[in-house]
Amino acid sequence: DIFAPLGPPELWIFAYVIALAAGIIKGVVGFAMP
């Protein structure tokens, strides 16, 4: 399970939401994904 380091499924779903939000903000201002 590649998601095991993140713990329960709700946490890796949260990680996906964070990545999506980071991508949107990066697309708007050019930075902030990391």
PDB file of all heavy atoms in Angstrom:
ATOM      1  N   ASP A   1       0.843  -1.185   0.000  1.00  0.00           N
ATOM      2  CA  ASP A   1       0.000   0.000   0.000  1.00  0.00           C
ATOM      3  C   ASP A   1       0.886   1.246   0.000  1.00  0.00           C
ATOM      4  O   ASP A   1       1.528   1.563   1.001  1.00  0.00           O
ATOM      5  CB  ASP A   1      -0.905  -0.015   1.231  1.00  0.00           C
ATOM      6  CG  ASP A   1      -1.855   1.179   1.261  1.00  0.00           C
ATOM      7  OD1 ASP A   1      -1.836   1.965   0.299  1.00  0.00           O
ATOM      8  OD2 ASP A   1      -2.601   1.314   2.257  1.00  0.00           O
ATOM      9  N   ILE A   2       0.922   1.967  -1.132  1.00  0.00           N
ATOM     10  CA  ILE A   2       1.811   3.122  -1.213  1.00  0.00           C
ATOM     11  C   ILE A   2       1.346   4.252  -0.308  1.00  0.00           C
ATOM     12  O   ILE A   2       2.124   5.151   0.013  1.00  0.00           O
ATOM     13  CB  ILE A   2       1.942   3.635  -2.666  1.00  0.00           C
ATOM     14  CG1 ILE A   2       0.607   4.168  -3.175  1.00  0.00           C
ATOM     15  CG2 ILE A   2       2.484   2.565  -3.574  1.00  0.00           C
ATOM     16  CD1 ILE A   2       0.725   4.941  -4.466  1.00  0.00           C
ATOM     17  N   PHE A   3       0.061   4.218   0.103  1.00  0.00           N
ATOM     18  CA  PHE A   3      -0.452   5.285   0.947  1.00  0.00           C
ATOM     19  C   PHE A   3      -0.264   5.003   2.434  1.00  0.00           C
ATOM     20  O   PHE A   3      -0.616   5.838   3.270  1.00  0.00           O
ATOM     21  CB  PHE A   3      -1.940   5.506   0.670  1.00  0.00           C
ATOM     22  CG  PHE A   3      -2.231   5.943  -0.736  1.00  0.00           C
ATOM     23  CD1 PHE A   3      -2.810   5.071  -1.646  1.00  0.00           C
ATOM     24  CD2 PHE A   3      -1.896   7.212  -1.168  1.00  0.00           C
ATOM     25  CE1 PHE A   3      -3.067   5.471  -2.945  1.00  0.00           C
ATOM     26  CE2 PHE A   3      -2.141   7.626  -2.467  1.00  0.00           C
ATOM     27  CZ  PHE A   3      -2.734   6.744  -3.356  1.00  0.00           C
ATOM     28  N   ALA A   4       0.277   3.842   2.772  1.00  0.00           N
ATOM     29  CA  ALA A   4       0.436   3.468   4.172  1.00  0.00           C
ATOM     30  C   ALA A   4       1.172   4.510   5.017  1.00  0.00           C
ATOM     31  O   ALA A   4       0.789   4.740   6.169  1.00  0.00           O
ATOM     32  CB  ALA A   4       1.144   2.112   4.267  1.00  0.00           C
ATOM     33  N   PRO A   5       2.223   5.170   4.502  1.00  0.00           N
ATOM     34  CA  PRO A   5       2.902   6.167   5.334  1.00  0.00           C
ATOM     35  C   PRO A   5       2.012   7.319   5.794  1.00  0.00           C
ATOM     36  O   PRO A   5       2.313   7.982   6.779  1.00  0.00           O
ATOM     37  CB  PRO A   5       4.029   6.686   4.421  1.00  0.00           C
ATOM     38  CG  PRO A   5       4.282   5.569   3.464  1.00  0.00           C
ATOM     39  CD  PRO A   5       2.932   4.963   3.231  1.00  0.00           C
ATOM     40  N   LEU A   6       0.906   7.579   5.072  1.00  0.00           N
ATOM     41  CA  LEU A   6       0.004   8.663   5.469  1.00  0.00           C
ATOM     42  C   LEU A   6      -1.044   8.221   6.480  1.00  0.00           C
ATOM     43  O   LEU A   6      -1.750   9.059   7.034  1.00  0.00           O
ATOM     44  CB  LEU A   6      -0.704   9.258   4.241  1.00  0.00           C
ATOM     45  CG  LEU A   6       0.175  10.010   3.250  1.00  0.00           C
ATOM     46  CD1 LEU A   6      -0.685  10.609   2.146  1.00  0.00           C
ATOM     47  CD2 LEU A   6       0.960  11.108   3.947  1.00  0.00           C
ATOM     48  N   GLY A   7      -1.176   6.912   6.696  1.00  0.00           N
ATOM     49  CA  GLY A   7      -2.135   6.447   7.686  1.00  0.00           C
ATOM     50  C   GLY A   7      -3.470   6.086   7.067  1.00  0.00           C
ATOM     51  O   GLY A   7      -3.530   5.581   5.939  1.00  0.00           O
ATOM     52  N   PRO A   8      -4.590   6.352   7.767  1.00  0.00           N
ATOM     53  CA  PRO A   8      -5.931   5.969   7.314  1.00  0.00           C
ATOM     54  C   PRO A   8      -6.303   6.629   5.981  1.00  0.00           C
ATOM     55  O   PRO A   8      -5.744   7.673   5.617  1.00  0.00           O
ATOM     56  CB  PRO A   8      -6.843   6.479   8.440  1.00  0.00           C
ATOM     57  CG  PRO A   8      -5.955   6.663   9.619  1.00  0.00           C
ATOM     58  CD  PRO A   8      -4.603   7.012   9.077  1.00  0.00           C
ATOM     59  N   PRO A   9      -7.302   6.059   5.262  1.00  0.00           N
ATOM     60  CA  PRO A   9      -7.693   6.603   3.952  1.00  0.00           C
ATOM     61  C   PRO A   9      -8.093   8.070   3.986  1.00  0.00           C
ATOM     62  O   PRO A   9      -7.814   8.807   3.034  1.00  0.00           O
ATOM     63  CB  PRO A   9      -8.885   5.722   3.555  1.00  0.00           C
ATOM     64  CG  PRO A   9      -8.650   4.436   4.263  1.00  0.00           C
ATOM     65  CD  PRO A   9      -7.991   4.793   5.554  1.00  0.00           C
ATOM     66  N   GLU A  10      -8.739   8.501   5.071  1.00  0.00           N
ATOM     67  CA  GLU A  10      -9.164   9.903   5.103  1.00  0.00           C
ATOM     68  C   GLU A  10      -7.979  10.865   5.064  1.00  0.00           C
ATOM     69  O   GLU A  10      -8.096  12.002   4.596  1.00  0.00           O
ATOM     70  CB  GLU A  10     -10.028  10.197   6.335  1.00  0.00           C
ATOM     71  CG  GLU A  10      -9.383   9.923   7.669  1.00  0.00           C
ATOM     72  CD  GLU A  10      -9.660   8.515   8.191  1.00  0.00           C
ATOM     73  OE1 GLU A  10      -9.981   7.633   7.361  1.00  0.00           O
ATOM     74  OE2 GLU A  10      -9.551   8.317   9.413  1.00  0.00           O
ATOM     75  N   LEU A  11      -6.816  10.411   5.529  1.00  0.00           N
ATOM     76  CA  LEU A  11      -5.646  11.281   5.512  1.00  0.00           C
ATOM     77  C   LEU A  11      -5.056  11.407   4.113  1.00  0.00           C
ATOM     78  O   LEU A  11      -4.614  12.481   3.712  1.00  0.00           O
ATOM     79  CB  LEU A  11      -4.593  10.777   6.504  1.00  0.00           C
ATOM     80  CG  LEU A  11      -4.956  10.940   7.988  1.00  0.00           C
ATOM     81  CD1 LEU A  11      -3.803  10.485   8.877  1.00  0.00           C
ATOM     82  CD2 LEU A  11      -5.323  12.385   8.314  1.00  0.00           C
ATOM     83  N   TRP A  12      -5.014  10.305   3.351  1.00  0.00           N
ATOM     84  CA  TRP A  12      -4.484  10.476   2.000  1.00  0.00           C
ATOM     85  C   TRP A  12      -5.473  11.167   1.087  1.00  0.00           C
ATOM     86  O   TRP A  12      -5.102  11.824   0.119  1.00  0.00           O
ATOM     87  CB  TRP A  12      -3.940   9.186   1.397  1.00  0.00           C
ATOM     88  CG  TRP A  12      -4.799   7.979   1.269  1.00  0.00           C
ATOM     89  CD1 TRP A  12      -4.817   6.885   2.073  1.00  0.00           C
ATOM     90  CD2 TRP A  12      -5.726   7.700   0.200  1.00  0.00           C
ATOM     91  NE1 TRP A  12      -5.714   5.954   1.593  1.00  0.00           N
ATOM     92  CE2 TRP A  12      -6.274   6.424   0.448  1.00  0.00           C
ATOM     93  CE3 TRP A  12      -6.142   8.411  -0.926  1.00  0.00           C
ATOM     94  CZ2 TRP A  12      -7.231   5.832  -0.384  1.00  0.00           C
ATOM     95  CZ3 TRP A  12      -7.087   7.838  -1.757  1.00  0.00           C
ATOM     96  CH2 TRP A  12      -7.624   6.561  -1.478  1.00  0.00           C
ATOM     97  N   ILE A  13      -6.791  11.075   1.384  1.00  0.00           N
ATOM     98  CA  ILE A  13      -7.764  11.894   0.656  1.00  0.00           C
ATOM     99  C   ILE A  13      -7.509  13.367   0.957  1.00  0.00           C
ATOM    100  O   ILE A  13      -7.551  14.227   0.064  1.00  0.00           O
ATOM    101  CB  ILE A  13      -9.200  11.489   1.037  1.00  0.00           C
ATOM    102  CG1 ILE A  13      -9.505  10.087   0.502  1.00  0.00           C
ATOM    103  CG2 ILE A  13     -10.206  12.502   0.490  1.00  0.00           C
ATOM    104  CD1 ILE A  13     -10.808   9.508   0.979  1.00  0.00           C
ATOM    105  N   PHE A  14      -7.218  13.667   2.209  1.00  0.00           N
ATOM    106  CA  PHE A  14      -6.876  15.029   2.610  1.00  0.00           C
ATOM    107  C   PHE A  14      -5.617  15.486   1.873  1.00  0.00           C
ATOM    108  O   PHE A  14      -5.523  16.643   1.440  1.00  0.00           O
ATOM    109  CB  PHE A  14      -6.678  15.071   4.123  1.00  0.00           C
ATOM    110  CG  PHE A  14      -6.379  16.445   4.672  1.00  0.00           C
ATOM    111  CD1 PHE A  14      -7.132  17.543   4.308  1.00  0.00           C
ATOM    112  CD2 PHE A  14      -5.334  16.617   5.570  1.00  0.00           C
ATOM    113  CE1 PHE A  14      -6.861  18.806   4.820  1.00  0.00           C
ATOM    114  CE2 PHE A  14      -5.046  17.874   6.088  1.00  0.00           C
ATOM    115  CZ  PHE A  14      -5.816  18.971   5.713  1.00  0.00           C
ATOM    116  N   ALA A  15      -4.659  14.573   1.706  1.00  0.00           N
ATOM    117  CA  ALA A  15      -3.438  14.917   0.968  1.00  0.00           C
ATOM    118  C   ALA A  15      -3.760  15.278  -0.478  1.00  0.00           C
ATOM    119  O   ALA A  15      -3.164  16.197  -1.049  1.00  0.00           O
ATOM    120  CB  ALA A  15      -2.458  13.739   1.021  1.00  0.00           C
ATOM    121  N   TYR A  16      -4.712  14.565  -1.096  1.00  0.00           N
ATOM    122  CA  TYR A  16      -5.131  14.892  -2.459  1.00  0.00           C
ATOM    123  C   TYR A  16      -5.758  16.283  -2.522  1.00  0.00           C
ATOM    124  O   TYR A  16      -5.523  17.050  -3.458  1.00  0.00           O
ATOM    125  CB  TYR A  16      -6.129  13.840  -2.965  1.00  0.00           C
ATOM    126  CG  TYR A  16      -5.502  12.718  -3.744  1.00  0.00           C
ATOM    127  CD1 TYR A  16      -4.415  12.021  -3.209  1.00  0.00           C
ATOM    128  CD2 TYR A  16      -5.978  12.346  -4.995  1.00  0.00           C
ATOM    129  CE1 TYR A  16      -3.826  10.979  -3.911  1.00  0.00           C
ATOM    130  CE2 TYR A  16      -5.400  11.306  -5.705  1.00  0.00           C
ATOM    131  CZ  TYR A  16      -4.325  10.635  -5.160  1.00  0.00           C
ATOM    132  OH  TYR A  16      -3.746   9.623  -5.859  1.00  0.00           O
ATOM    133  N   VAL A  17      -6.580  16.604  -1.523  1.00  0.00           N
ATOM    134  CA  VAL A  17      -7.219  17.926  -1.477  1.00  0.00           C
ATOM    135  C   VAL A  17      -6.155  19.018  -1.332  1.00  0.00           C
ATOM    136  O   VAL A  17      -6.225  20.073  -1.985  1.00  0.00           O
ATOM    137  CB  VAL A  17      -8.238  17.994  -0.328  1.00  0.00           C
ATOM    138  CG1 VAL A  17      -8.766  19.420  -0.150  1.00  0.00           C
ATOM    139  CG2 VAL A  17      -9.389  17.032  -0.583  1.00  0.00           C
ATOM    140  N   ILE A  18      -5.156  18.771  -0.493  1.00  0.00           N
ATOM    141  CA  ILE A  18      -4.060  19.738  -0.321  1.00  0.00           C
ATOM    142  C   ILE A  18      -3.315  19.934  -1.637  1.00  0.00           C
ATOM    143  O   ILE A  18      -2.993  21.064  -2.026  1.00  0.00           O
ATOM    144  CB  ILE A  18      -3.097  19.264   0.783  1.00  0.00           C
ATOM    145  CG1 ILE A  18      -3.784  19.288   2.149  1.00  0.00           C
ATOM    146  CG2 ILE A  18      -1.837  20.136   0.826  1.00  0.00           C
ATOM    147  CD1 ILE A  18      -2.979  18.632   3.248  1.00  0.00           C
ATOM    148  N   ALA A  19      -3.027  18.844  -2.344  1.00  0.00           N
ATOM    149  CA  ALA A  19      -2.313  18.942  -3.621  1.00  0.00           C
ATOM    150  C   ALA A  19      -3.129  19.709  -4.654  1.00  0.00           C
ATOM    151  O   ALA A  19      -2.583  20.506  -5.429  1.00  0.00           O
ATOM    152  CB  ALA A  19      -1.970  17.548  -4.140  1.00  0.00           C
ATOM    153  N   LEU A  20      -4.441  19.491  -4.686  1.00  0.00           N
ATOM    154  CA  LEU A  20      -5.309  20.216  -5.604  1.00  0.00           C
ATOM    155  C   LEU A  20      -5.297  21.712  -5.289  1.00  0.00           C
ATOM    156  O   LEU A  20      -5.136  22.558  -6.187  1.00  0.00           O
ATOM    157  CB  LEU A  20      -6.732  19.674  -5.512  1.00  0.00           C
ATOM    158  CG  LEU A  20      -7.784  20.374  -6.379  1.00  0.00           C
ATOM    159  CD1 LEU A  20      -7.497  20.172  -7.863  1.00  0.00           C
ATOM    160  CD2 LEU A  20      -9.187  19.863  -6.042  1.00  0.00           C
ATOM    161  N   ALA A  21      -5.453  22.045  -4.008  1.00  0.00           N
ATOM    162  CA  ALA A  21      -5.445  23.455  -3.598  1.00  0.00           C
ATOM    163  C   ALA A  21      -4.097  24.103  -3.891  1.00  0.00           C
ATOM    164  O   ALA A  21      -4.024  25.251  -4.370  1.00  0.00           O
ATOM    165  CB  ALA A  21      -5.765  23.562  -2.102  1.00  0.00           C
ATOM    166  N   ALA A  22      -3.018  23.372  -3.641  1.00  0.00           N
ATOM    167  CA  ALA A  22      -1.678  23.899  -3.912  1.00  0.00           C
ATOM    168  C   ALA A  22      -1.498  24.182  -5.395  1.00  0.00           C
ATOM    169  O   ALA A  22      -0.902  25.191  -5.787  1.00  0.00           O
ATOM    170  CB  ALA A  22      -0.621  22.908  -3.426  1.00  0.00           C
ATOM    171  N   GLY A  23      -2.023  23.294  -6.246  1.00  0.00           N
ATOM    172  CA  GLY A  23      -1.922  23.500  -7.685  1.00  0.00           C
ATOM    173  C   GLY A  23      -2.704  24.720  -8.143  1.00  0.00           C
ATOM    174  O   GLY A  23      -2.237  25.494  -8.985  1.00  0.00           O
ATOM    175  N   ILE A  24      -3.905  24.923  -7.592  1.00  0.00           N
ATOM    176  CA  ILE A  24      -4.710  26.082  -7.970  1.00  0.00           C
ATOM    177  C   ILE A  24      -3.987  27.371  -7.612  1.00  0.00           C
ATOM    178  O   ILE A  24      -3.864  28.304  -8.427  1.00  0.00           O
ATOM    179  CB  ILE A  24      -6.089  26.025  -7.279  1.00  0.00           C
ATOM    180  CG1 ILE A  24      -6.918  24.871  -7.854  1.00  0.00           C
ATOM    181  CG2 ILE A  24      -6.833  27.347  -7.464  1.00  0.00           C
ATOM    182  CD1 ILE A  24      -8.211  24.614  -7.114  1.00  0.00           C
ATOM    183  N   ILE A  25      -3.477  27.449  -6.394  1.00  0.00           N
ATOM    184  CA  ILE A  25      -2.797  28.666  -5.955  1.00  0.00           C
ATOM    185  C   ILE A  25      -1.526  28.900  -6.762  1.00  0.00           C
ATOM    186  O   ILE A  25      -1.217  30.019  -7.156  1.00  0.00           O
ATOM    187  CB  ILE A  25      -2.515  28.600  -4.446  1.00  0.00           C
ATOM    188  CG1 ILE A  25      -3.840  28.636  -3.682  1.00  0.00           C
ATOM    189  CG2 ILE A  25      -1.614  29.743  -3.995  1.00  0.00           C
ATOM    190  CD1 ILE A  25      -3.729  28.379  -2.209  1.00  0.00           C
ATOM    191  N   LYS A  26      -0.805  27.828  -7.052  1.00  0.00           N
ATOM    192  CA  LYS A  26       0.402  27.973  -7.883  1.00  0.00           C
ATOM    193  C   LYS A  26       0.052  28.482  -9.272  1.00  0.00           C
ATOM    194  O   LYS A  26       0.759  29.322  -9.831  1.00  0.00           O
ATOM    195  CB  LYS A  26       1.137  26.640  -7.975  1.00  0.00           C
ATOM    196  CG  LYS A  26       2.403  26.715  -8.835  1.00  0.00           C
ATOM    197  CD  LYS A  26       3.200  25.446  -8.736  1.00  0.00           C
ATOM    198  CE  LYS A  26       4.429  25.486  -9.648  1.00  0.00           C
ATOM    199  NZ  LYS A  26       5.331  26.607  -9.340  1.00  0.00           N
ATOM    200  N   GLY A  27      -1.042  27.996  -9.833  1.00  0.00           N
ATOM    201  CA  GLY A  27      -1.451  28.457 -11.141  1.00  0.00           C
ATOM    202  C   GLY A  27      -1.821  29.932 -11.155  1.00  0.00           C
ATOM    203  O   GLY A  27      -1.607  30.620 -12.146  1.00  0.00           O
ATOM    204  N   VAL A  28      -2.356  30.432 -10.043  1.00  0.00           N
ATOM    205  CA  VAL A  28      -2.766  31.834  -9.964  1.00  0.00           C
ATOM    206  C   VAL A  28      -1.565  32.756  -9.776  1.00  0.00           C
ATOM    207  O   VAL A  28      -1.415  33.758 -10.490  1.00  0.00           O
ATOM    208  CB  VAL A  28      -3.782  32.050  -8.822  1.00  0.00           C
ATOM    209  CG1 VAL A  28      -4.090  33.539  -8.660  1.00  0.00           C
ATOM    210  CG2 VAL A  28      -5.067  31.280  -9.084  1.00  0.00           C
ATOM    211  N   VAL A  29      -0.695  32.446  -8.797  1.00  0.00           N
ATOM    212  CA  VAL A  29       0.384  33.388  -8.453  1.00  0.00           C
ATOM    213  C   VAL A  29       1.782  32.890  -8.834  1.00  0.00           C
ATOM    214  O   VAL A  29       2.752  33.632  -8.679  1.00  0.00           O
ATOM    215  CB  VAL A  29       0.346  33.743  -6.945  1.00  0.00           C
ATOM    216  CG1 VAL A  29      -0.925  34.463  -6.591  1.00  0.00           C
ATOM    217  CG2 VAL A  29       0.537  32.498  -6.078  1.00  0.00           C
ATOM    218  N   GLY A  30       1.894  31.626  -9.283  1.00  0.00           N
ATOM    219  CA  GLY A  30       3.178  31.147  -9.773  1.00  0.00           C
ATOM    220  C   GLY A  30       4.038  30.422  -8.766  1.00  0.00           C
ATOM    221  O   GLY A  30       5.106  29.926  -9.106  1.00  0.00           O
ATOM    222  N   PHE A  31       3.601  30.336  -7.522  1.00  0.00           N
ATOM    223  CA  PHE A  31       4.416  29.681  -6.497  1.00  0.00           C
ATOM    224  C   PHE A  31       3.489  29.121  -5.419  1.00  0.00           C
ATOM    225  O   PHE A  31       2.272  29.087  -5.597  1.00  0.00           O
ATOM    226  CB  PHE A  31       5.403  30.669  -5.873  1.00  0.00           C
ATOM    227  CG  PHE A  31       4.771  31.680  -4.949  1.00  0.00           C
ATOM    228  CD1 PHE A  31       4.876  31.554  -3.578  1.00  0.00           C
ATOM    229  CD2 PHE A  31       4.057  32.750  -5.458  1.00  0.00           C
ATOM    230  CE1 PHE A  31       4.280  32.470  -2.737  1.00  0.00           C
ATOM    231  CE2 PHE A  31       3.473  33.676  -4.621  1.00  0.00           C
ATOM    232  CZ  PHE A  31       3.572  33.541  -3.263  1.00  0.00           C
ATOM    233  N   ALA A  32       4.094  28.666  -4.338  1.00  0.00           N
ATOM    234  CA  ALA A  32       3.387  28.235  -3.118  1.00  0.00           C
ATOM    235  C   ALA A  32       2.998  26.762  -3.099  1.00  0.00           C
ATOM    236  O   ALA A  32       2.511  26.279  -2.090  1.00  0.00           O
ATOM    237  CB  ALA A  32       2.152  29.095  -2.816  1.00  0.00           C
ATOM    238  N   MET A  33       3.231  26.017  -4.168  1.00  0.00           N
ATOM    239  CA  MET A  33       2.918  24.593  -4.077  1.00  0.00           C
ATOM    240  C   MET A  33       3.756  23.889  -3.003  1.00  0.00           C
ATOM    241  O   MET A  33       3.185  23.204  -2.140  1.00  0.00           O
ATOM    242  CB  MET A  33       3.099  23.895  -5.425  1.00  0.00           C
ATOM    243  CG  MET A  33       2.968  22.376  -5.324  1.00  0.00           C
ATOM    244  SD  MET A  33       2.824  21.556  -6.916  1.00  0.00           S
ATOM    245  CE  MET A  33       1.091  21.851  -7.262  1.00  0.00           C
ATOM    246  N   PRO A  34       5.087  24.045  -2.989  1.00  0.00           N
ATOM    247  CA  PRO A  34       5.840  23.410  -1.902  1.00  0.00           C
ATOM    248  C   PRO A  34       5.452  23.945  -0.526  1.00  0.00           C
ATOM    249  O   PRO A  34       5.373  23.180   0.442  1.00  0.00           O
ATOM    250  CB  PRO A  34       7.301  23.751  -2.235  1.00  0.00           C
ATOM    251  CG  PRO A  34       7.300  24.039  -3.693  1.00  0.00           C
ATOM    252  CD  PRO A  34       5.978  24.687  -3.967  1.00  0.00           C
TER     253      PRO A  34
END
